[in-house]
Amino acid sequence: MTSEPEQQLGVGTQDAFQRLWTPHRMAYIQGENKPTGPGADDGCPFCSIPAKSDEDGLILQRGETVYAVLNLYPYTGGHLMTVPYRHVADYTDLTAEETAELAELTKQAMTALRKASGAHGFNIGMNQGTVAGAGIAAHLHQHVVPRWGGDTNFMPVVGHTKVLPQLLADTRKMLAEAWPTE
């Protein structure tokens, strides 16, 4: 049995579009988990995540100076970040050891994503400063975003909605199991 879409009064001009509601995104839009200031003690999530279990913190790998963690608000499935433990904002402030480990964990992330999900390519980078788009500018983090041929469909372009095929806990488990040991 097919039914007509429910009409809602007072939501603007009627059109032929269906609505896909994603109310969980409102938490991100309203700044949930955003620090209250620039200091490590101002609610920085990247400073508090390492104190959690790997499962609760969505941590994929812990290094000596840097860790890899799933993005809580991913662009695509498998979107992760490599993050120094030390609360530092600028790439030029990293030590040589932190810089090397950030690069190594990024390489390992790419290997794990290819193995676990067959990623065809990657967007890798960091936004330095609020004006450059950093959501948490006070604590440096590098994004590793897996990409697949044809993954740019109408949903993010027209619908401003991301379709993620897997729960973050399941993605974390899959990538942690695929993470290279050396």
C-alpha atoms as a PDB file:
ATOM      1  CA  MET A   1       0.000   0.000   0.000  1.00  0.00           C
ATOM      2  CA  THR A   2       1.384   3.425  -0.929  1.00  0.00           C
ATOM      3  CA  SER A   3       0.437   6.558   0.867  1.00  0.00           C
ATOM      4  CA  GLU A   4       0.747  10.209   0.146  1.00  0.00           C
ATOM      5  CA  PRO A   5       3.538  12.040   1.946  1.00  0.00           C
ATOM      6  CA  GLU A   6       2.362  13.686   5.138  1.00  0.00           C
ATOM      7  CA  GLN A   7       1.821  17.391   4.612  1.00  0.00           C
ATOM      8  CA  GLN A   8       3.014  19.749   7.328  1.00  0.00           C
ATOM      9  CA  LEU A   9       1.392  23.120   7.636  1.00  0.00           C
ATOM     10  CA  GLY A  10       3.511  26.176   8.350  1.00  0.00           C
ATOM     11  CA  VAL A  11       6.770  24.838   6.912  1.00  0.00           C
ATOM     12  CA  GLY A  12       6.926  27.111   3.907  1.00  0.00           C
ATOM     13  CA  THR A  13       5.789  26.765   0.363  1.00  0.00           C
ATOM     14  CA  GLN A  14       4.710  23.284  -0.586  1.00  0.00           C
ATOM     15  CA  ASP A  15       6.957  21.665  -3.131  1.00  0.00           C
ATOM     16  CA  ALA A  16       7.560  18.221  -4.578  1.00  0.00           C
ATOM     17  CA  PHE A  17      10.557  17.491  -2.329  1.00  0.00           C
ATOM     18  CA  GLN A  18      10.620  14.851   0.355  1.00  0.00           C
ATOM     19  CA  ARG A  19      12.449  15.794   3.553  1.00  0.00           C
ATOM     20  CA  LEU A  20      15.209  13.732   5.102  1.00  0.00           C
ATOM     21  CA  TRP A  21      15.513  14.930   8.672  1.00  0.00           C
ATOM     22  CA  THR A  22      18.863  14.522  10.422  1.00  0.00           C
ATOM     23  CA  PRO A  23      18.255  16.022  13.869  1.00  0.00           C
ATOM     24  CA  HIS A  24      21.396  14.398  15.289  1.00  0.00           C
ATOM     25  CA  ARG A  25      23.415  16.904  13.228  1.00  0.00           C
ATOM     26  CA  MET A  26      22.001  19.743  15.331  1.00  0.00           C
ATOM     27  CA  ALA A  27      24.403  18.810  18.158  1.00  0.00           C
ATOM     28  CA  TYR A  28      27.359  19.580  15.882  1.00  0.00           C
ATOM     29  CA  ILE A  29      25.775  22.731  14.471  1.00  0.00           C
ATOM     30  CA  GLN A  30      25.112  24.025  17.985  1.00  0.00           C
ATOM     31  CA  GLY A  31      28.690  23.374  19.037  1.00  0.00           C
ATOM     32  CA  GLU A  32      28.428  20.208  21.124  1.00  0.00           C
ATOM     33  CA  ASN A  33      31.877  19.045  22.245  1.00  0.00           C
ATOM     34  CA  LYS A  34      33.427  22.388  21.280  1.00  0.00           C
ATOM     35  CA  PRO A  35      35.956  23.829  23.728  1.00  0.00           C
ATOM     36  CA  THR A  36      34.958  26.888  25.753  1.00  0.00           C
ATOM     37  CA  GLY A  37      38.376  28.474  25.202  1.00  0.00           C
ATOM     38  CA  PRO A  38      41.832  27.887  23.706  1.00  0.00           C
ATOM     39  CA  GLY A  39      43.407  26.065  26.669  1.00  0.00           C
ATOM     40  CA  ALA A  40      43.787  22.341  27.206  1.00  0.00           C
ATOM     41  CA  ASP A  41      41.569  22.655  30.298  1.00  0.00           C
ATOM     42  CA  ASP A  42      38.804  24.478  28.408  1.00  0.00           C
ATOM     43  CA  GLY A  43      36.977  21.316  27.388  1.00  0.00           C
ATOM     44  CA  CYS A  44      39.253  20.311  24.506  1.00  0.00           C
ATOM     45  CA  PRO A  45      37.913  16.954  23.263  1.00  0.00           C
ATOM     46  CA  PHE A  46      41.301  16.023  21.789  1.00  0.00           C
ATOM     47  CA  CYS A  47      42.842  16.329  25.262  1.00  0.00           C
ATOM     48  CA  SER A  48      40.116  14.274  26.960  1.00  0.00           C
ATOM     49  CA  ILE A  49      39.761  11.466  24.387  1.00  0.00           C
ATOM     50  CA  PRO A  50      43.033   9.671  25.301  1.00  0.00           C
ATOM     51  CA  ALA A  51      41.781   9.130  28.890  1.00  0.00           C
ATOM     52  CA  LYS A  52      38.889   7.030  27.537  1.00  0.00           C
ATOM     53  CA  SER A  53      38.982   3.406  26.460  1.00  0.00           C
ATOM     54  CA  ASP A  54      39.683   2.867  22.774  1.00  0.00           C
ATOM     55  CA  GLU A  55      36.047   1.881  22.205  1.00  0.00           C
ATOM     56  CA  ASP A  56      34.530   4.816  24.116  1.00  0.00           C
ATOM     57  CA  GLY A  57      36.960   7.330  22.612  1.00  0.00           C
ATOM     58  CA  LEU A  58      36.723   5.820  19.100  1.00  0.00           C
ATOM     59  CA  ILE A  59      40.525   5.524  19.180  1.00  0.00           C
ATOM     60  CA  LEU A  60      42.053   3.406  16.442  1.00  0.00           C
ATOM     61  CA  GLN A  61      45.732   3.539  17.366  1.00  0.00           C
ATOM     62  CA  ARG A  62      47.833   5.048  20.158  1.00  0.00           C
ATOM     63  CA  GLY A  63      51.389   6.099  19.407  1.00  0.00           C
ATOM     64  CA  GLU A  64      53.977   7.669  21.693  1.00  0.00           C
ATOM     65  CA  THR A  65      53.140  11.286  20.783  1.00  0.00           C
ATOM     66  CA  VAL A  66      50.151  11.013  18.416  1.00  0.00           C
ATOM     67  CA  TYR A  67      46.939   8.979  18.282  1.00  0.00           C
ATOM     68  CA  ALA A  68      44.406   8.154  15.549  1.00  0.00           C
ATOM     69  CA  VAL A  69      40.692   8.593  16.246  1.00  0.00           C
ATOM     70  CA  LEU A  70      37.467   8.421  14.252  1.00  0.00           C
ATOM     71  CA  ASN A  71      35.829  11.765  13.580  1.00  0.00           C
ATOM     72  CA  LEU A  72      32.638  12.045  15.641  1.00  0.00           C
ATOM     73  CA  TYR A  73      31.100  14.150  12.842  1.00  0.00           C
ATOM     74  CA  PRO A  74      32.458  12.394   9.718  1.00  0.00           C
ATOM     75  CA  TYR A  75      32.390  13.636   6.135  1.00  0.00           C
ATOM     76  CA  THR A  76      32.332  10.012   4.931  1.00  0.00           C
ATOM     77  CA  GLY A  77      32.432   6.582   6.542  1.00  0.00           C
ATOM     78  CA  GLY A  78      35.927   5.942   7.922  1.00  0.00           C
ATOM     79  CA  HIS A  79      36.797   9.650   8.288  1.00  0.00           C
ATOM     80  CA  LEU A  80      39.484   9.742  10.959  1.00  0.00           C
ATOM     81  CA  MET A  81      42.051  12.125  12.379  1.00  0.00           C
ATOM     82  CA  THR A  82      45.631  11.893  13.572  1.00  0.00           C
ATOM     83  CA  VAL A  83      46.092  14.049  16.670  1.00  0.00           C
ATOM     84  CA  PRO A  84      49.101  14.896  18.851  1.00  0.00           C
ATOM     85  CA  TYR A  85      48.514  14.245  22.547  1.00  0.00           C
ATOM     86  CA  ARG A  86      50.080  17.594  23.310  1.00  0.00           C
ATOM     87  CA  HIS A  87      47.690  20.577  23.145  1.00  0.00           C
ATOM     88  CA  VAL A  88      49.313  22.570  20.347  1.00  0.00           C
ATOM     89  CA  ALA A  89      47.569  24.665  17.704  1.00  0.00           C
ATOM     90  CA  ASP A  90      50.099  25.220  14.955  1.00  0.00           C
ATOM     91  CA  TYR A  91      51.853  22.669  12.770  1.00  0.00           C
ATOM     92  CA  THR A  92      55.116  24.576  13.101  1.00  0.00           C
ATOM     93  CA  ASP A  93      55.007  24.040  16.883  1.00  0.00           C
ATOM     94  CA  LEU A  94      55.204  20.228  16.586  1.00  0.00           C
ATOM     95  CA  THR A  95      58.432  18.555  17.640  1.00  0.00           C
ATOM     96  CA  ALA A  96      60.357  16.485  15.103  1.00  0.00           C
ATOM     97  CA  GLU A  97      59.093  13.333  16.868  1.00  0.00           C
ATOM     98  CA  GLU A  98      55.455  14.489  16.722  1.00  0.00           C
ATOM     99  CA  THR A  99      55.777  15.440  13.055  1.00  0.00           C
ATOM    100  CA  ALA A 100      57.263  12.045  12.166  1.00  0.00           C
ATOM    101  CA  GLU A 101      54.643  10.099  14.119  1.00  0.00           C
ATOM    102  CA  LEU A 102      51.788  12.187  12.669  1.00  0.00           C
ATOM    103  CA  ALA A 103      53.051  11.225   9.198  1.00  0.00           C
ATOM    104  CA  GLU A 104      53.509   7.552  10.150  1.00  0.00           C
ATOM    105  CA  LEU A 105      50.016   7.208  11.663  1.00  0.00           C
ATOM    106  CA  THR A 106      48.576   8.889   8.565  1.00  0.00           C
ATOM    107  CA  LYS A 107      50.280   6.276   6.383  1.00  0.00           C
ATOM    108  CA  GLN A 108      49.003   3.494   8.645  1.00  0.00           C
ATOM    109  CA  ALA A 109      45.492   4.974   8.487  1.00  0.00           C
ATOM    110  CA  MET A 110      45.568   4.898   4.699  1.00  0.00           C
ATOM    111  CA  THR A 111      46.705   1.263   4.748  1.00  0.00           C
ATOM    112  CA  ALA A 112      43.940   0.295   7.206  1.00  0.00           C
ATOM    113  CA  LEU A 113      41.254   2.155   5.241  1.00  0.00           C
ATOM    114  CA  ARG A 114      42.307   0.505   1.984  1.00  0.00           C
ATOM    115  CA  LYS A 115      42.284  -2.927   3.620  1.00  0.00           C
ATOM    116  CA  ALA A 116      39.008  -2.475   5.511  1.00  0.00           C
ATOM    117  CA  SER A 117      36.942  -0.511   3.018  1.00  0.00           C
ATOM    118  CA  GLY A 118      38.713  -0.565  -0.330  1.00  0.00           C
ATOM    119  CA  ALA A 119      39.169   3.232  -0.377  1.00  0.00           C
ATOM    120  CA  HIS A 120      40.186   4.436  -3.846  1.00  0.00           C
ATOM    121  CA  GLY A 121      41.734   7.703  -2.687  1.00  0.00           C
ATOM    122  CA  PHE A 122      41.995  10.141   0.199  1.00  0.00           C
ATOM    123  CA  ASN A 123      41.609  13.746   1.179  1.00  0.00           C
ATOM    124  CA  ILE A 124      44.307  14.439   3.763  1.00  0.00           C
ATOM    125  CA  GLY A 125      44.889  17.748   5.446  1.00  0.00           C
ATOM    126  CA  MET A 126      44.510  20.117   8.337  1.00  0.00           C
ATOM    127  CA  ASN A 127      42.827  23.460   8.729  1.00  0.00           C
ATOM    128  CA  GLN A 128      45.107  25.856  10.592  1.00  0.00           C
ATOM    129  CA  GLY A 129      43.070  28.455  12.462  1.00  0.00           C
ATOM    130  CA  THR A 130      39.384  29.245  12.711  1.00  0.00           C
ATOM    131  CA  VAL A 131      39.458  31.383   9.553  1.00  0.00           C
ATOM    132  CA  ALA A 132      40.802  28.359   7.654  1.00  0.00           C
ATOM    133  CA  GLY A 133      37.877  26.214   8.796  1.00  0.00           C
ATOM    134  CA  ALA A 134      39.297  24.472  11.863  1.00  0.00           C
ATOM    135  CA  GLY A 135      36.413  23.398  14.076  1.00  0.00           C
ATOM    136  CA  ILE A 136      38.786  23.047  17.019  1.00  0.00           C
ATOM    137  CA  ALA A 137      41.583  25.452  16.154  1.00  0.00           C
ATOM    138  CA  ALA A 138      43.412  25.268  19.483  1.00  0.00           C
ATOM    139  CA  HIS A 139      44.397  21.585  19.098  1.00  0.00           C
ATOM    140  CA  LEU A 140      46.008  20.551  15.836  1.00  0.00           C
ATOM    141  CA  HIS A 141      44.509  17.541  14.074  1.00  0.00           C
ATOM    142  CA  GLN A 142      44.948  16.097  10.595  1.00  0.00           C
ATOM    143  CA  HIS A 143      41.960  14.684   8.716  1.00  0.00           C
ATOM    144  CA  VAL A 144      42.208  11.458   6.736  1.00  0.00           C
ATOM    145  CA  VAL A 145      39.059  11.155   4.623  1.00  0.00           C
ATOM    146  CA  PRO A 146      38.651   8.030   2.479  1.00  0.00           C
ATOM    147  CA  ARG A 147      37.117   8.477  -0.954  1.00  0.00           C
ATOM    148  CA  TRP A 148      35.622   6.116  -3.523  1.00  0.00           C
ATOM    149  CA  GLY A 149      34.841   6.583  -7.193  1.00  0.00           C
ATOM    150  CA  GLY A 150      31.345   8.033  -7.482  1.00  0.00           C
ATOM    151  CA  ASP A 151      30.999   8.794  -3.762  1.00  0.00           C
ATOM    152  CA  THR A 152      29.944  12.368  -4.421  1.00  0.00           C
ATOM    153  CA  ASN A 153      26.247  11.944  -4.986  1.00  0.00           C
ATOM    154  CA  PHE A 154      23.285  14.267  -4.663  1.00  0.00           C
ATOM    155  CA  MET A 155      22.881  13.858  -0.897  1.00  0.00           C
ATOM    156  CA  PRO A 156      25.724  16.123   0.262  1.00  0.00           C
ATOM    157  CA  VAL A 157      25.562  18.368  -2.789  1.00  0.00           C
ATOM    158  CA  VAL A 158      21.813  18.980  -2.967  1.00  0.00           C
ATOM    159  CA  GLY A 159      20.487  17.595   0.295  1.00  0.00           C
ATOM    160  CA  HIS A 160      23.277  18.867   2.555  1.00  0.00           C
ATOM    161  CA  THR A 161      23.101  15.443   4.197  1.00  0.00           C
ATOM    162  CA  LYS A 162      25.740  12.761   4.583  1.00  0.00           C
ATOM    163  CA  VAL A 163      24.707   9.143   4.336  1.00  0.00           C
ATOM    164  CA  LEU A 164      26.921   6.955   6.503  1.00  0.00           C
ATOM    165  CA  PRO A 165      26.450   3.222   6.014  1.00  0.00           C
ATOM    166  CA  GLN A 166      27.801   2.125   9.375  1.00  0.00           C
ATOM    167  CA  LEU A 167      27.700   3.077  13.064  1.00  0.00           C
ATOM    168  CA  LEU A 168      30.889   4.705  14.358  1.00  0.00           C
ATOM    169  CA  ALA A 169      31.522   1.890  16.872  1.00  0.00           C
ATOM    170  CA  ASP A 170      31.356  -0.665  14.041  1.00  0.00           C
ATOM    171  CA  THR A 171      33.649   1.446  11.851  1.00  0.00           C
ATOM    172  CA  ARG A 172      36.138   1.782  14.743  1.00  0.00           C
ATOM    173  CA  LYS A 173      36.189  -1.995  15.281  1.00  0.00           C
ATOM    174  CA  MET A 174      36.647  -2.708  11.564  1.00  0.00           C
ATOM    175  CA  LEU A 175      39.509  -0.206  11.166  1.00  0.00           C
ATOM    176  CA  ALA A 176      41.227  -1.171  14.425  1.00  0.00           C
ATOM    177  CA  GLU A 177      41.279  -4.799  13.232  1.00  0.00           C
ATOM    178  CA  ALA A 178      42.696  -3.708   9.851  1.00  0.00           C
ATOM    179  CA  TRP A 179      45.347  -1.391  11.361  1.00  0.00           C
ATOM    180  CA  PRO A 180      48.851  -2.491  10.316  1.00  0.00           C
ATOM    181  CA  THR A 181      51.024  -3.795  13.134  1.00  0.00           C
ATOM    182  CA  GLU A 182      54.220  -2.545  11.540  1.00  0.00           C
END
